[in-house]
């Protein structure tokens, strides 16, 4: 179950000393799973890597985030996170134009222009 997997992950990650640590130590206890990037689906048009979440949605992380050093993919529907295991030198290059991310239109001018 999700709960037992999270407990297992927390127990595995809690092996360090309790010396106050930094934020990355706190994040490690919240990681659901370590996922090699080869197991993730990649959509070149958007630059988005995805991986199935137990809640039914998908964990998401963008290629530009990976190039910036981010390694935690979040599920937009629940609190679970996965750590992406990747060699930065083997990442695909960033496109010359930024990929279009799925973000809601918030500008009233843009909404009017789209009508």
Protein backbone atom coordinates (compact mmCIF):
# COMPACT_ATOMS: atom_id res chain seq x y z
CA UNK A 1 0.00 0.00 0.00
CA UNK A 2 0.99 3.62 -0.33
CA UNK A 3 1.16 4.01 3.44
CA UNK A 4 3.50 1.05 3.96
CA UNK A 5 5.75 2.21 1.11
CA UNK A 6 5.96 5.68 2.64
CA UNK A 7 6.75 4.26 6.08
CA UNK A 8 9.47 2.11 4.51
CA UNK A 9 10.91 5.14 2.74
CA UNK A 10 10.77 7.26 5.91
CA UNK A 11 12.49 4.52 7.92
CA UNK A 12 15.19 4.14 5.26
CA UNK A 13 15.77 7.89 5.04
CA UNK A 14 15.67 8.43 8.82
CA UNK A 15 18.94 6.56 9.32
CA UNK A 16 21.02 9.76 9.60
CA UNK A 17 21.81 11.63 12.77
CA UNK A 18 19.30 14.05 14.20
CA UNK A 19 21.62 17.04 14.29
CA UNK A 20 19.12 19.52 12.94
CA UNK A 21 20.18 18.85 9.34
CA UNK A 22 19.12 21.00 6.45
CA UNK A 23 15.93 21.21 4.38
CA UNK A 24 17.09 18.43 2.04
CA UNK A 25 17.14 16.02 5.01
CA UNK A 26 13.51 16.94 5.75
CA UNK A 27 12.55 16.47 2.08
CA UNK A 28 14.13 13.02 1.99
CA UNK A 29 11.62 11.71 4.54
CA UNK A 30 8.76 12.78 2.26
CA UNK A 31 9.99 10.98 -0.89
CA UNK A 32 7.67 8.19 -1.98
CA UNK A 33 10.14 6.51 -4.35
CA UNK A 34 13.42 6.99 -6.21
CA UNK A 35 12.68 6.76 -9.95
CA UNK A 36 15.31 6.42 -12.68
CA UNK A 37 14.52 8.88 -15.46
CA UNK A 38 14.47 5.98 -17.93
CA UNK A 39 11.24 4.79 -16.27
CA UNK A 40 9.53 8.14 -16.85
CA UNK A 41 7.54 9.13 -19.93
CA UNK A 42 8.80 12.20 -21.80
CA UNK A 43 6.73 14.56 -23.94
CA UNK A 44 9.17 16.50 -26.19
CA UNK A 45 6.56 19.09 -27.21
CA UNK A 46 6.13 20.28 -23.61
CA UNK A 47 9.45 19.15 -22.09
CA UNK A 48 7.49 17.29 -19.40
CA UNK A 49 8.57 14.05 -17.72
CA UNK A 50 5.80 12.06 -16.01
CA UNK A 51 5.52 8.94 -13.87
CA UNK A 52 2.35 7.23 -12.61
CA UNK A 53 1.32 8.14 -9.06
CA UNK A 54 -0.58 5.65 -6.88
CA UNK A 55 -3.39 8.21 -6.53
CA UNK A 56 -4.18 7.85 -10.25
CA UNK A 57 -2.56 11.08 -11.45
CA UNK A 58 1.11 11.48 -12.47
CA UNK A 59 4.25 12.96 -10.95
CA UNK A 60 5.53 15.83 -13.12
CA UNK A 61 8.87 17.52 -13.67
CA UNK A 62 9.97 19.68 -16.61
CA UNK A 63 13.22 19.28 -18.53
CA UNK A 64 14.27 22.84 -17.70
CA UNK A 65 13.79 22.10 -13.98
CA UNK A 66 16.07 19.06 -14.33
CA UNK A 67 18.67 21.21 -16.08
CA UNK A 68 18.39 23.69 -13.19
CA UNK A 69 19.24 20.89 -10.73
CA UNK A 70 15.73 20.07 -9.47
CA UNK A 71 15.29 16.34 -8.82
CA UNK A 72 11.90 16.18 -7.06
CA UNK A 73 8.80 15.48 -9.16
CA UNK A 74 5.47 16.39 -7.57
CA UNK A 75 2.01 14.95 -8.07
CA UNK A 76 -0.49 17.78 -8.61
CA UNK A 77 -3.33 15.75 -7.03
CA UNK A 78 -1.76 14.54 -3.77
CA UNK A 79 1.20 15.19 -1.48
CA UNK A 80 3.47 12.44 -2.81
CA UNK A 81 6.84 13.23 -4.40
CA UNK A 82 9.45 11.12 -6.17
CA UNK A 83 13.17 11.70 -6.51
CA UNK A 84 14.30 11.55 -10.15
CA UNK A 85 17.57 9.69 -10.57
CA UNK A 86 19.40 11.21 -13.53
CA UNK A 87 22.89 12.04 -14.74
CA UNK A 88 22.66 15.72 -15.71
CA UNK A 89 25.22 15.20 -18.48
CA UNK A 90 22.85 12.74 -20.17
CA UNK A 91 19.77 15.00 -20.19
CA UNK A 92 18.39 16.00 -23.60
CA UNK A 93 19.34 19.56 -24.53
CA UNK A 94 16.88 22.33 -23.85
CA UNK A 95 14.99 23.48 -26.95
CA UNK A 96 15.90 26.88 -28.36
CA UNK A 97 12.35 28.12 -27.70
CA UNK A 98 10.78 27.46 -24.30
CA UNK A 99 8.19 24.66 -24.36
CA UNK A 100 4.60 25.63 -23.71
CA UNK A 101 3.61 24.62 -20.20
CA UNK A 102 0.06 23.82 -19.23
CA UNK A 103 -0.84 26.93 -17.24
CA UNK A 104 -4.20 28.67 -16.99
CA UNK A 105 -4.72 31.96 -18.77
CA UNK A 106 -5.16 34.64 -16.12
CA UNK A 107 -4.93 37.88 -18.10
CA UNK A 108 -8.29 39.40 -18.98
CA UNK A 109 -6.72 40.80 -22.18
CA UNK A 110 -5.57 37.31 -23.16
CA UNK A 111 -9.04 35.89 -22.42
CA UNK A 112 -10.66 38.62 -24.54
CA UNK A 113 -8.19 38.02 -27.36
CA UNK A 114 -8.95 34.30 -27.33
CA UNK A 115 -12.72 34.92 -27.65
